[in-house]
Amino acid sequence: MTITNAVLPASLRVSILHYCMEKKPHEACGFLLGRIDGATLSVTRFLPVPNIAARPERQFSMDPAVLIPIVTNPSSLYDPVVGLLHSHPSASSAPSVEDLQTAWRSMPSHWIVGLQDEEHCEIGVYCYHHFNHDPNRPGSISGDASSFTAIALSVVEDHDINCHP
């Protein structure tokens, strides 16, 4: 089933934005944990991962020492990884050509924090697709074999989230 909605607790939104602002002028990155129920993805936790890219102001590369335990953790103590998050320190939350070429394309969701306007930070949520290029397909970038679909984001008060016990 295709994910069409994402739910984020207000306190996590604040934490994510604070973390991304703290990392400026570098890109911030991390994983979102949660669950998927039908077409709705619900986030329960944000796990920051250090950006070790050679040019961290223009790209991100997650520290393997932190990344590997997160993505290979079979523990039932945490919800599964449901999204990858990174920031655009001086751009909007729209996916870039580099974003669409990610090796993480199969991740259920991609979250981009746009910090272009610090007064109105934005979080965009997307599902990336791989296909044969079609210039008539929305989200298609010429010369690239990827596209994206926007996922509607709802920020809710924390008590409105049904978390696992």
Protein backbone atom coordinates (compact mmCIF):
# COMPACT_ATOMS: atom_id res chain seq x y z
CA MET A 1 0.00 0.00 0.00
CA THR A 2 1.17 3.53 -0.80
CA ILE A 3 1.77 5.90 2.10
CA THR A 4 -0.33 9.04 1.69
CA ASN A 5 -0.27 10.51 5.21
CA ALA A 6 2.42 11.05 7.84
CA VAL A 7 1.73 11.90 11.49
CA LEU A 8 4.35 13.67 13.60
CA PRO A 9 3.99 14.61 17.29
CA ALA A 10 4.46 18.35 17.89
CA SER A 11 7.28 17.76 20.40
CA LEU A 12 9.22 15.71 17.82
CA ARG A 13 8.74 18.45 15.22
CA VAL A 14 10.27 20.95 17.66
CA SER A 15 13.18 18.58 18.43
CA ILE A 16 13.86 17.93 14.74
CA LEU A 17 13.81 21.63 13.81
CA HIS A 18 16.04 22.51 16.77
CA TYR A 19 18.54 19.79 15.84
CA CYS A 20 18.65 20.89 12.19
CA MET A 21 19.09 24.57 13.13
CA GLU A 22 21.90 23.59 15.52
CA LYS A 23 23.76 21.86 12.68
CA LYS A 24 23.61 24.82 10.27
CA PRO A 25 25.44 25.53 8.01
CA HIS A 26 25.84 21.76 7.65
CA GLU A 27 23.16 19.30 6.62
CA ALA A 28 21.68 17.38 9.53
CA CYS A 29 20.57 13.78 9.14
CA GLY A 30 18.98 10.91 11.00
CA PHE A 31 16.28 8.28 11.08
CA LEU A 32 12.63 8.34 12.05
CA LEU A 33 11.16 5.38 13.87
CA GLY A 34 7.48 4.55 14.01
CA ARG A 35 4.90 2.37 12.39
CA ILE A 36 2.89 2.12 9.21
CA ASP A 37 -0.81 1.32 9.38
CA GLY A 38 -2.35 1.14 5.93
CA ALA A 39 -1.64 4.43 4.15
CA THR A 40 -0.62 6.25 7.35
CA LEU A 41 2.91 6.49 8.70
CA SER A 42 3.18 7.55 12.37
CA VAL A 43 6.52 8.73 13.77
CA THR A 44 7.35 7.93 17.39
CA ARG A 45 11.04 8.79 17.61
CA PHE A 46 13.86 10.71 15.89
CA LEU A 47 17.41 9.33 16.02
CA PRO A 48 20.05 11.86 14.88
CA VAL A 49 23.10 10.48 13.08
CA PRO A 50 26.33 12.50 12.68
CA ASN A 51 26.99 13.78 9.16
CA ILE A 52 30.53 12.80 8.12
CA ALA A 53 30.34 13.99 4.50
CA ALA A 54 33.42 15.63 3.00
CA ARG A 55 31.24 18.66 2.11
CA PRO A 56 28.61 18.61 4.90
CA GLU A 57 27.21 22.00 3.89
CA ARG A 58 26.10 20.49 0.55
CA GLN A 59 25.49 16.80 1.25
CA PHE A 60 25.15 14.22 3.97
CA SER A 61 26.79 10.90 4.68
CA MET A 62 25.74 9.09 7.83
CA ASP A 63 28.38 7.88 10.28
CA PRO A 64 28.45 4.07 9.89
CA ALA A 65 29.30 3.57 13.57
CA VAL A 66 25.90 5.08 14.45
CA LEU A 67 23.99 4.07 11.32
CA ILE A 68 24.62 0.32 11.36
CA PRO A 69 23.23 -0.43 14.84
CA ILE A 70 20.07 1.55 14.02
CA VAL A 71 19.23 -0.18 10.73
CA THR A 72 20.25 -3.66 11.86
CA ASN A 73 18.69 -3.54 15.33
CA PRO A 74 16.15 -6.40 15.54
CA SER A 75 15.25 -5.36 19.09
CA SER A 76 11.59 -5.10 19.94
CA LEU A 77 12.43 -2.18 22.24
CA TYR A 78 12.07 0.27 19.35
CA ASP A 79 9.65 0.76 16.52
CA PRO A 80 11.15 0.08 13.07
CA VAL A 81 12.84 2.69 10.88
CA VAL A 82 10.12 4.33 8.76
CA GLY A 83 11.99 7.30 7.36
CA LEU A 84 15.25 9.01 6.57
CA LEU A 85 15.58 12.71 7.44
CA HIS A 86 18.05 15.35 6.33
CA SER A 87 18.10 19.11 6.11
CA HIS A 88 18.70 21.65 3.39
CA PRO A 89 20.46 24.44 5.35
CA SER A 90 19.91 27.10 2.70
CA ALA A 91 17.20 25.65 0.47
CA SER A 92 13.57 24.59 0.50
CA SER A 93 12.29 21.17 1.51
CA ALA A 94 11.90 20.05 -2.13
CA PRO A 95 14.01 17.02 -3.10
CA SER A 96 17.14 17.86 -5.08
CA VAL A 97 18.52 15.81 -7.97
CA GLU A 98 21.09 14.38 -5.52
CA ASP A 99 18.31 13.46 -3.09
CA LEU A 100 16.50 11.48 -5.78
CA GLN A 101 19.67 9.57 -6.63
CA THR A 102 20.03 8.22 -3.09
CA ALA A 103 20.84 4.61 -2.41
CA TRP A 104 18.13 4.83 0.28
CA ARG A 105 15.36 4.96 -2.36
CA SER A 106 13.56 1.96 -0.83
CA MET A 107 13.09 3.71 2.54
CA PRO A 108 9.32 4.12 3.21
CA SER A 109 9.63 7.90 3.54
CA HIS A 110 12.13 10.72 3.05
CA TRP A 111 11.86 13.83 5.21
CA ILE A 112 13.57 17.06 4.17
CA VAL A 113 13.79 20.03 6.51
CA GLY A 114 14.02 23.27 4.52
CA LEU A 115 15.84 26.00 6.43
CA GLN A 116 15.92 28.58 3.63
CA ASP A 117 13.62 30.86 5.64
CA GLU A 118 14.50 30.51 9.33
CA GLU A 119 11.25 32.22 10.32
CA HIS A 120 9.22 29.56 8.52
CA CYS A 121 11.13 26.28 8.53
CA GLU A 122 9.35 23.60 6.57
CA ILE A 123 9.33 19.84 6.62
CA GLY A 124 8.55 18.02 3.39
CA VAL A 125 7.73 14.31 3.40
CA TYR A 126 8.17 12.24 0.25
CA CYS A 127 8.12 8.74 -1.19
CA TYR A 128 10.81 8.24 -3.86
CA HIS A 129 10.24 6.10 -6.94
CA HIS A 130 12.52 4.61 -9.56
CA PHE A 131 11.26 4.29 -13.12
CA ASN A 132 12.19 4.82 -16.73
CA HIS A 133 12.23 8.59 -17.34
CA ASP A 134 8.93 10.06 -18.56
CA PRO A 135 8.97 13.86 -19.07
CA ASN A 136 5.18 13.95 -18.57
CA ARG A 137 5.34 12.35 -15.11
CA PRO A 138 5.03 14.83 -12.17
CA GLY A 139 8.21 14.97 -10.10
CA SER A 140 10.32 13.57 -12.94
CA ILE A 141 13.72 15.16 -13.38
CA SER A 142 15.13 15.07 -16.90
CA GLY A 143 18.06 12.72 -17.27
CA ASP A 144 17.29 10.96 -14.00
CA ALA A 145 15.36 7.77 -13.39
CA SER A 146 13.67 8.91 -10.19
CA SER A 147 10.55 10.75 -9.14
CA PHE A 148 8.78 11.46 -5.90
CA THR A 149 5.33 11.73 -4.43
CA ALA A 150 4.58 14.18 -1.65
CA ILE A 151 3.10 12.70 1.53
CA ALA A 152 0.66 14.87 3.53
CA LEU A 153 2.09 15.76 6.96
CA SER A 154 -0.06 16.24 10.06
CA VAL A 155 1.55 17.63 13.20
CA VAL A 156 -0.48 16.58 16.22
CA GLU A 157 -0.36 17.19 19.94
CA ASP A 158 1.55 14.39 21.63
CA HIS A 159 -1.49 13.10 23.53
CA ASP A 160 -3.25 12.51 20.17
CA ILE A 161 -0.74 9.78 19.24
CA ASN A 162 -1.51 6.17 20.06
CA CYS A 163 1.94 4.87 21.00
CA HIS A 164 2.84 1.30 21.75
CA PRO A 165 2.72 0.50 25.49
